[in-house]
Amino acid sequence: MHRTQPDKAVALVRTSLIRATLAFAVIVCGLSLRWYGFPLGLPAFVVKYGGSLLWATMVFLLAGVLLPQLSRNQLSAIAAVIAVVVEFSRLVHTPWLDAFRLATAGALLLGRIFSPWNLVAYAVGIVFGVWIDRLAGMRALVGWAKAP
């Protein structure tokens, strides 16, 4: 019985590391899309809502990094709540919050303008996060099962 607990702890750390790596890749893709999407001639729709999709994917994965013991359904619910709260927070205007939103970090983290379509993009992003998390988890299990 004592043997299984360290294995579970190692599995949780492994899961967090995989999710952190995926989150980093998603962040790179999201920043690349925001910075280079228009210069590459991508449509505004793809840049705007692709960024929102990737933002929600990142939130899902980072929740998984912090809470690796939770199921994907639980992480999805947490990510959805965060996304809805952040989107509706855009309807709140105070001088300090508006000033933060004008900064690059504020725009990337909180956004500037409320859009119900962002909620759709967030839902798709969370589903995408679940999919890549499941895919990476299956590949990791296969890869580690083959290790000596």
N, C-alpha and C. Protein backbone atom coordinates (compact mmCIF):
# COMPACT_ATOMS: atom_id res chain seq x y z
N MET A 1 0.82 -1.19 0.00
CA MET A 1 0.00 0.00 0.00
C MET A 1 0.86 1.26 0.00
N HIS A 2 1.97 1.22 0.70
CA HIS A 2 2.86 2.39 0.70
C HIS A 2 3.52 2.57 -0.66
N ARG A 3 3.62 1.51 -1.40
CA ARG A 3 4.27 1.56 -2.70
C ARG A 3 3.47 2.39 -3.71
N THR A 4 2.15 2.38 -3.63
CA THR A 4 1.34 3.05 -4.64
C THR A 4 1.33 4.57 -4.44
N GLN A 5 1.49 5.06 -3.25
CA GLN A 5 1.40 6.50 -3.03
C GLN A 5 2.53 7.28 -3.69
N PRO A 6 3.79 6.87 -3.58
CA PRO A 6 4.83 7.61 -4.31
C PRO A 6 4.62 7.56 -5.82
N ASP A 7 4.13 6.43 -6.34
CA ASP A 7 3.86 6.35 -7.77
C ASP A 7 2.79 7.35 -8.18
N LYS A 8 1.78 7.53 -7.33
CA LYS A 8 0.72 8.49 -7.64
C LYS A 8 1.27 9.91 -7.61
N ALA A 9 2.13 10.20 -6.65
CA ALA A 9 2.74 11.53 -6.58
C ALA A 9 3.59 11.81 -7.81
N VAL A 10 4.34 10.81 -8.25
CA VAL A 10 5.16 10.96 -9.46
C VAL A 10 4.26 11.17 -10.67
N ALA A 11 3.15 10.45 -10.74
CA ALA A 11 2.22 10.60 -11.87
C ALA A 11 1.62 12.00 -11.88
N LEU A 12 1.30 12.55 -10.72
CA LEU A 12 0.75 13.91 -10.66
C LEU A 12 1.77 14.95 -11.11
N VAL A 13 3.03 14.77 -10.70
CA VAL A 13 4.09 15.68 -11.14
C VAL A 13 4.28 15.56 -12.64
N ARG A 14 4.29 14.34 -13.14
CA ARG A 14 4.43 14.11 -14.58
C ARG A 14 3.29 14.78 -15.34
N THR A 15 2.07 14.63 -14.85
CA THR A 15 0.91 15.26 -15.48
C THR A 15 1.06 16.78 -15.48
N SER A 16 1.50 17.35 -14.37
CA SER A 16 1.69 18.80 -14.30
C SER A 16 2.76 19.26 -15.28
N LEU A 17 3.84 18.51 -15.40
CA LEU A 17 4.90 18.89 -16.34
C LEU A 17 4.43 18.83 -17.79
N ILE A 18 3.67 17.81 -18.11
CA ILE A 18 3.13 17.71 -19.48
C ILE A 18 2.22 18.89 -19.75
N ARG A 19 1.33 19.18 -18.81
CA ARG A 19 0.41 20.30 -19.00
C ARG A 19 1.13 21.64 -19.05
N ALA A 20 2.18 21.80 -18.27
CA ALA A 20 2.95 23.05 -18.30
C ALA A 20 3.63 23.22 -19.67
N THR A 21 4.13 22.13 -20.20
CA THR A 21 4.76 22.17 -21.52
C THR A 21 3.73 22.52 -22.59
N LEU A 22 2.56 21.90 -22.51
CA LEU A 22 1.49 22.22 -23.46
C LEU A 22 1.06 23.68 -23.31
N ALA A 23 0.93 24.15 -22.07
CA ALA A 23 0.52 25.55 -21.84
C ALA A 23 1.54 26.50 -22.44
N PHE A 24 2.81 26.20 -22.27
CA PHE A 24 3.85 27.05 -22.85
C PHE A 24 3.72 27.09 -24.38
N ALA A 25 3.49 25.94 -25.00
CA ALA A 25 3.32 25.89 -26.45
C ALA A 25 2.09 26.68 -26.89
N VAL A 26 1.01 26.58 -26.14
CA VAL A 26 -0.21 27.32 -26.46
C VAL A 26 0.03 28.83 -26.31
N ILE A 27 0.75 29.23 -25.27
CA ILE A 27 1.07 30.65 -25.08
C ILE A 27 1.89 31.17 -26.25
N VAL A 28 2.89 30.41 -26.68
CA VAL A 28 3.71 30.81 -27.83
C VAL A 28 2.83 30.95 -29.08
N CYS A 29 1.95 29.99 -29.30
CA CYS A 29 1.05 30.05 -30.45
C CYS A 29 0.12 31.26 -30.36
N GLY A 30 -0.43 31.51 -29.18
CA GLY A 30 -1.34 32.64 -29.00
C GLY A 30 -0.66 33.98 -29.22
N LEU A 31 0.53 34.14 -28.65
CA LEU A 31 1.27 35.39 -28.85
C LEU A 31 1.68 35.55 -30.30
N SER A 32 2.08 34.48 -30.93
CA SER A 32 2.44 34.54 -32.34
C SER A 32 1.24 34.94 -33.19
N LEU A 33 0.10 34.38 -32.88
CA LEU A 33 -1.11 34.72 -33.62
C LEU A 33 -1.45 36.19 -33.46
N ARG A 34 -1.38 36.69 -32.23
CA ARG A 34 -1.71 38.11 -31.97
C ARG A 34 -0.70 39.06 -32.62
N TRP A 35 0.58 38.71 -32.59
CA TRP A 35 1.61 39.62 -33.10
C TRP A 35 1.82 39.51 -34.60
N TYR A 36 1.69 38.30 -35.14
CA TYR A 36 2.02 38.09 -36.54
C TYR A 36 0.83 37.73 -37.43
N GLY A 37 -0.35 37.55 -36.82
CA GLY A 37 -1.53 37.16 -37.59
C GLY A 37 -1.89 38.16 -38.67
N PHE A 38 -2.00 39.44 -38.30
CA PHE A 38 -2.35 40.47 -39.28
C PHE A 38 -1.25 40.66 -40.32
N PRO A 39 0.04 40.76 -39.90
CA PRO A 39 1.09 40.89 -40.92
C PRO A 39 1.14 39.72 -41.91
N LEU A 40 0.72 38.53 -41.46
CA LEU A 40 0.69 37.38 -42.35
C LEU A 40 -0.56 37.35 -43.22
N GLY A 41 -1.45 38.30 -43.00
CA GLY A 41 -2.66 38.39 -43.82
C GLY A 41 -3.81 37.54 -43.33
N LEU A 42 -3.75 37.06 -42.09
CA LEU A 42 -4.86 36.28 -41.57
C LEU A 42 -6.07 37.19 -41.34
N PRO A 43 -7.27 36.68 -41.53
CA PRO A 43 -8.46 37.49 -41.30
C PRO A 43 -8.58 37.89 -39.83
N ALA A 44 -9.20 39.05 -39.60
CA ALA A 44 -9.38 39.56 -38.23
C ALA A 44 -10.12 38.54 -37.37
N PHE A 45 -11.10 37.86 -37.93
CA PHE A 45 -11.87 36.85 -37.21
C PHE A 45 -10.95 35.77 -36.64
N VAL A 46 -10.02 35.30 -37.45
CA VAL A 46 -9.09 34.24 -37.03
C VAL A 46 -8.17 34.75 -35.92
N VAL A 47 -7.65 35.96 -36.08
CA VAL A 47 -6.74 36.52 -35.08
C VAL A 47 -7.49 36.75 -33.77
N LYS A 48 -8.65 37.37 -33.83
CA LYS A 48 -9.40 37.72 -32.62
C LYS A 48 -9.87 36.48 -31.88
N TYR A 49 -10.63 35.65 -32.58
CA TYR A 49 -11.24 34.50 -31.89
C TYR A 49 -10.29 33.32 -31.76
N GLY A 50 -9.29 33.24 -32.62
CA GLY A 50 -8.23 32.24 -32.42
C GLY A 50 -7.46 32.53 -31.15
N GLY A 51 -7.19 33.81 -30.91
CA GLY A 51 -6.53 34.20 -29.66
C GLY A 51 -7.37 33.87 -28.45
N SER A 52 -8.67 34.11 -28.54
CA SER A 52 -9.57 33.79 -27.42
C SER A 52 -9.64 32.29 -27.19
N LEU A 53 -9.68 31.52 -28.27
CA LEU A 53 -9.68 30.07 -28.17
C LEU A 53 -8.42 29.58 -27.45
N LEU A 54 -7.28 30.10 -27.88
CA LEU A 54 -6.01 29.68 -27.26
C LEU A 54 -5.90 30.16 -25.82
N TRP A 55 -6.46 31.32 -25.51
CA TRP A 55 -6.46 31.82 -24.14
C TRP A 55 -7.20 30.84 -23.22
N ALA A 56 -8.38 30.38 -23.66
CA ALA A 56 -9.15 29.44 -22.84
C ALA A 56 -8.44 28.09 -22.72
N THR A 57 -7.77 27.67 -23.79
CA THR A 57 -6.98 26.44 -23.73
C THR A 57 -5.89 26.58 -22.68
N MET A 58 -5.22 27.74 -22.67
CA MET A 58 -4.18 28.01 -21.68
C MET A 58 -4.74 27.97 -20.26
N VAL A 59 -5.91 28.57 -20.06
CA VAL A 59 -6.52 28.58 -18.72
C VAL A 59 -6.80 27.15 -18.27
N PHE A 60 -7.36 26.33 -19.16
CA PHE A 60 -7.62 24.93 -18.82
C PHE A 60 -6.33 24.21 -18.43
N LEU A 61 -5.29 24.38 -19.24
CA LEU A 61 -4.02 23.68 -18.98
C LEU A 61 -3.36 24.18 -17.70
N LEU A 62 -3.38 25.48 -17.46
CA LEU A 62 -2.77 26.00 -16.23
C LEU A 62 -3.54 25.57 -14.99
N ALA A 63 -4.86 25.46 -15.11
CA ALA A 63 -5.64 24.91 -13.99
C ALA A 63 -5.20 23.47 -13.73
N GLY A 64 -4.93 22.75 -14.81
CA GLY A 64 -4.45 21.37 -14.68
C GLY A 64 -3.06 21.27 -14.09
N VAL A 65 -2.23 22.26 -14.35
CA VAL A 65 -0.89 22.29 -13.75
C VAL A 65 -1.02 22.47 -12.24
N LEU A 66 -1.88 23.38 -11.84
CA LEU A 66 -2.04 23.69 -10.42
C LEU A 66 -2.84 22.63 -9.66
N LEU A 67 -3.74 21.96 -10.36
CA LEU A 67 -4.63 20.98 -9.72
C LEU A 67 -4.62 19.65 -10.50
N PRO A 68 -3.48 18.98 -10.55
CA PRO A 68 -3.37 17.78 -11.39
C PRO A 68 -4.23 16.61 -10.93
N GLN A 69 -4.68 16.64 -9.70
CA GLN A 69 -5.48 15.54 -9.18
C GLN A 69 -6.93 15.60 -9.65
N LEU A 70 -7.35 16.73 -10.22
CA LEU A 70 -8.73 16.87 -10.67
C LEU A 70 -8.93 16.22 -12.04
N SER A 71 -10.16 15.83 -12.29
CA SER A 71 -10.50 15.24 -13.59
C SER A 71 -10.56 16.34 -14.66
N ARG A 72 -10.55 15.92 -15.90
CA ARG A 72 -10.65 16.89 -16.99
C ARG A 72 -11.99 17.62 -16.95
N ASN A 73 -13.05 16.93 -16.54
CA ASN A 73 -14.36 17.59 -16.42
C ASN A 73 -14.32 18.68 -15.35
N GLN A 74 -13.68 18.39 -14.24
CA GLN A 74 -13.57 19.39 -13.18
C GLN A 74 -12.72 20.58 -13.64
N LEU A 75 -11.62 20.29 -14.33
CA LEU A 75 -10.76 21.36 -14.85
C LEU A 75 -11.51 22.18 -15.89
N SER A 76 -12.32 21.53 -16.70
CA SER A 76 -13.12 22.25 -17.70
C SER A 76 -14.09 23.20 -17.03
N ALA A 77 -14.71 22.75 -15.96
CA ALA A 77 -15.65 23.60 -15.23
C ALA A 77 -14.94 24.81 -14.64
N ILE A 78 -13.77 24.59 -14.06
CA ILE A 78 -12.99 25.69 -13.48
C ILE A 78 -12.59 26.68 -14.57
N ALA A 79 -12.10 26.16 -15.70
CA ALA A 79 -11.70 27.03 -16.81
C ALA A 79 -12.89 27.81 -17.35
N ALA A 80 -14.05 27.17 -17.44
CA ALA A 80 -15.25 27.86 -17.94
C ALA A 80 -15.67 28.98 -16.99
N VAL A 81 -15.62 28.72 -15.69
CA VAL A 81 -15.97 29.77 -14.72
C VAL A 81 -15.00 30.95 -14.84
N ILE A 82 -13.72 30.65 -14.92
CA ILE A 82 -12.73 31.72 -15.07
C ILE A 82 -12.98 32.52 -16.34
N ALA A 83 -13.24 31.83 -17.44
CA ALA A 83 -13.48 32.50 -18.72
C ALA A 83 -14.72 33.40 -18.66
N VAL A 84 -15.79 32.90 -18.08
CA VAL A 84 -17.02 33.70 -17.98
C VAL A 84 -16.80 34.91 -17.08
N VAL A 85 -16.14 34.71 -15.95
CA VAL A 85 -15.88 35.84 -15.04
C VAL A 85 -15.01 36.89 -15.73
N VAL A 86 -13.97 36.45 -16.41
CA VAL A 86 -13.08 37.41 -17.09
C VAL A 86 -13.85 38.15 -18.19
N GLU A 87 -14.66 37.42 -18.96
CA GLU A 87 -15.41 38.08 -20.04
C GLU A 87 -16.38 39.11 -19.47
N PHE A 88 -17.14 38.74 -18.45
CA PHE A 88 -18.10 39.68 -17.88
C PHE A 88 -17.42 40.80 -17.10
N SER A 89 -16.19 40.58 -16.66
CA SER A 89 -15.47 41.66 -15.98
C SER A 89 -15.19 42.83 -16.92
N ARG A 90 -15.26 42.57 -18.21
CA ARG A 90 -15.03 43.63 -19.20
C ARG A 90 -16.15 44.66 -19.19
N LEU A 91 -17.25 44.31 -18.56
CA LEU A 91 -18.36 45.26 -18.43
C LEU A 91 -18.17 46.19 -17.23
N VAL A 92 -17.16 45.88 -16.41
CA VAL A 92 -16.85 46.71 -15.24
C VAL A 92 -15.75 47.69 -15.63
N HIS A 93 -16.00 48.96 -15.34
CA HIS A 93 -15.02 49.99 -15.71
C HIS A 93 -14.67 50.85 -14.49
N THR A 94 -13.42 50.72 -14.10
CA THR A 94 -12.86 51.60 -13.08
C THR A 94 -11.57 52.15 -13.67
N PRO A 95 -11.11 53.30 -13.20
CA PRO A 95 -9.90 53.88 -13.79
C PRO A 95 -8.69 52.94 -13.76
N TRP A 96 -8.44 52.30 -12.63
CA TRP A 96 -7.27 51.44 -12.53
C TRP A 96 -7.40 50.19 -13.41
N LEU A 97 -8.62 49.64 -13.50
CA LEU A 97 -8.83 48.44 -14.32
C LEU A 97 -8.73 48.78 -15.81
N ASP A 98 -9.31 49.91 -16.19
CA ASP A 98 -9.20 50.34 -17.59
C ASP A 98 -7.75 50.65 -17.96
N ALA A 99 -7.01 51.22 -17.03
CA ALA A 99 -5.59 51.50 -17.29
C ALA A 99 -4.81 50.20 -17.47
N PHE A 100 -5.12 49.20 -16.64
CA PHE A 100 -4.45 47.90 -16.78
C PHE A 100 -4.79 47.24 -18.11
N ARG A 101 -6.06 47.33 -18.52
CA ARG A 101 -6.48 46.74 -19.80
C ARG A 101 -5.79 47.39 -21.00
N LEU A 102 -5.37 48.66 -20.86
CA LEU A 102 -4.68 49.34 -21.95
C LEU A 102 -3.23 48.87 -22.10
N ALA A 103 -2.67 48.31 -21.01
CA ALA A 103 -1.32 47.76 -21.08
C ALA A 103 -1.37 46.41 -21.81
N THR A 104 -0.27 46.02 -22.40
CA THR A 104 -0.22 44.76 -23.15
C THR A 104 -0.61 43.58 -22.28
N ALA A 105 -0.06 43.50 -21.08
CA ALA A 105 -0.39 42.38 -20.19
C ALA A 105 -1.87 42.36 -19.87
N GLY A 106 -2.45 43.51 -19.61
CA GLY A 106 -3.87 43.58 -19.30
C GLY A 106 -4.74 43.16 -20.48
N ALA A 107 -4.34 43.59 -21.66
CA ALA A 107 -5.10 43.22 -22.86
C ALA A 107 -5.03 41.72 -23.11
N LEU A 108 -3.86 41.13 -22.90
CA LEU A 108 -3.70 39.69 -23.14
C LEU A 108 -4.41 38.86 -22.07
N LEU A 109 -4.34 39.31 -20.82
CA LEU A 109 -4.93 38.53 -19.72
C LEU A 109 -6.43 38.74 -19.58
N LEU A 110 -6.87 39.99 -19.68
CA LEU A 110 -8.28 40.30 -19.41
C LEU A 110 -9.07 40.72 -20.63
N GLY A 111 -8.38 41.16 -21.67
CA GLY A 111 -9.09 41.67 -22.83
C GLY A 111 -9.62 43.07 -22.57
N ARG A 112 -10.24 43.65 -23.58
CA ARG A 112 -10.71 45.03 -23.45
C ARG A 112 -12.20 45.18 -23.63
N ILE A 113 -12.77 44.48 -24.60
CA ILE A 113 -14.16 44.70 -24.98
C ILE A 113 -14.96 43.42 -24.80
N PHE A 114 -16.13 43.54 -24.18
CA PHE A 114 -17.02 42.40 -23.99
C PHE A 114 -17.57 41.93 -25.33
N SER A 115 -17.58 40.61 -25.53
CA SER A 115 -18.17 40.02 -26.72
C SER A 115 -18.75 38.66 -26.36
N PRO A 116 -20.04 38.46 -26.56
CA PRO A 116 -20.59 37.14 -26.27
C PRO A 116 -19.97 36.05 -27.16
N TRP A 117 -19.46 36.43 -28.32
CA TRP A 117 -18.81 35.46 -29.19
C TRP A 117 -17.53 34.91 -28.57
N ASN A 118 -16.92 35.69 -27.69
CA ASN A 118 -15.74 35.17 -26.98
C ASN A 118 -16.11 33.96 -26.13
N LEU A 119 -17.32 33.95 -25.59
CA LEU A 119 -17.75 32.81 -24.77
C LEU A 119 -17.78 31.53 -25.62
N VAL A 120 -18.19 31.67 -26.87
CA VAL A 120 -18.18 30.51 -27.78
C VAL A 120 -16.74 30.08 -28.04
N ALA A 121 -15.86 31.05 -28.31
CA ALA A 121 -14.45 30.73 -28.55
C ALA A 121 -13.83 30.08 -27.32
N TYR A 122 -14.20 30.55 -26.13
CA TYR A 122 -13.67 29.95 -24.91
C TYR A 122 -14.13 28.51 -24.77
N ALA A 123 -15.39 28.24 -25.07
CA ALA A 123 -15.89 26.86 -24.98
C ALA A 123 -15.13 25.94 -25.93
N VAL A 124 -14.91 26.41 -27.15
CA VAL A 124 -14.15 25.62 -28.12
C VAL A 124 -12.71 25.43 -27.63
N GLY A 125 -12.14 26.48 -27.05
CA GLY A 125 -10.77 26.39 -26.54
C GLY A 125 -10.64 25.39 -25.39
N ILE A 126 -11.63 25.34 -24.54
CA ILE A 126 -11.59 24.38 -23.43
C ILE A 126 -11.71 22.96 -23.97
N VAL A 127 -12.59 22.75 -24.94
CA VAL A 127 -12.71 21.43 -25.56
C VAL A 127 -11.39 21.05 -26.23
N PHE A 128 -10.77 22.01 -26.90
CA PHE A 128 -9.46 21.76 -27.52
C PHE A 128 -8.43 21.40 -26.45
N GLY A 129 -8.46 22.10 -25.32
CA GLY A 129 -7.54 21.80 -24.22
C GLY A 129 -7.73 20.39 -23.69
N VAL A 130 -8.98 19.98 -23.53
CA VAL A 130 -9.26 18.61 -23.07
C VAL A 130 -8.70 17.61 -24.08
N TRP A 131 -8.90 17.89 -25.37
CA TRP A 131 -8.43 16.98 -26.42
C TRP A 131 -6.91 16.84 -26.41
N ILE A 132 -6.20 17.98 -26.39
CA ILE A 132 -4.73 17.87 -26.43
C ILE A 132 -4.19 17.29 -25.12
N ASP A 133 -4.86 17.55 -24.00
CA ASP A 133 -4.44 16.98 -22.73
C ASP A 133 -4.61 15.46 -22.76
N ARG A 134 -5.73 15.01 -23.28
CA ARG A 134 -5.97 13.56 -23.40
C ARG A 134 -4.96 12.93 -24.35
N LEU A 135 -4.74 13.57 -25.49
CA LEU A 135 -3.79 13.06 -26.48
C LEU A 135 -2.38 12.98 -25.90
N ALA A 136 -1.95 14.05 -25.24
CA ALA A 136 -0.60 14.06 -24.64
C ALA A 136 -0.50 13.03 -23.53
N GLY A 137 -1.55 12.86 -22.75
CA GLY A 137 -1.54 11.87 -21.68
C GLY A 137 -1.43 10.46 -22.21
N MET A 138 -2.14 10.17 -23.31
CA MET A 138 -2.06 8.83 -23.90
C MET A 138 -0.67 8.58 -24.48
N ARG A 139 -0.12 9.59 -25.15
CA ARG A 139 1.23 9.42 -25.72
C ARG A 139 2.26 9.25 -24.62
N ALA A 140 2.09 9.98 -23.52
CA ALA A 140 3.03 9.86 -22.41
C ALA A 140 2.97 8.47 -21.80
N LEU A 141 1.75 7.94 -21.65
CA LEU A 141 1.62 6.60 -21.08
C LEU A 141 2.28 5.56 -21.98
N VAL A 142 2.08 5.68 -23.27
CA VAL A 142 2.70 4.74 -24.19
C VAL A 142 4.22 4.88 -24.15
N GLY A 143 4.70 6.12 -24.17
CA GLY A 143 6.15 6.37 -24.15
C GLY A 143 6.81 5.87 -22.87
N TRP A 144 6.17 6.14 -21.73
CA TRP A 144 6.77 5.71 -20.46
C TRP A 144 6.61 4.21 -20.22
N ALA A 145 5.60 3.62 -20.84
CA ALA A 145 5.43 2.17 -20.69
C ALA A 145 6.56 1.44 -21.41
N LYS A 146 7.10 2.03 -22.46
CA LYS A 146 8.18 1.42 -23.21
C LYS A 146 9.55 1.65 -22.56
N ALA A 147 9.62 2.61 -21.63
CA ALA A 147 10.90 2.92 -20.99
C ALA A 147 11.35 1.74 -20.13
N PRO A 148 12.66 1.52 -20.07
CA PRO A 148 13.17 0.38 -19.30
C PRO A 148 12.96 0.54 -17.82
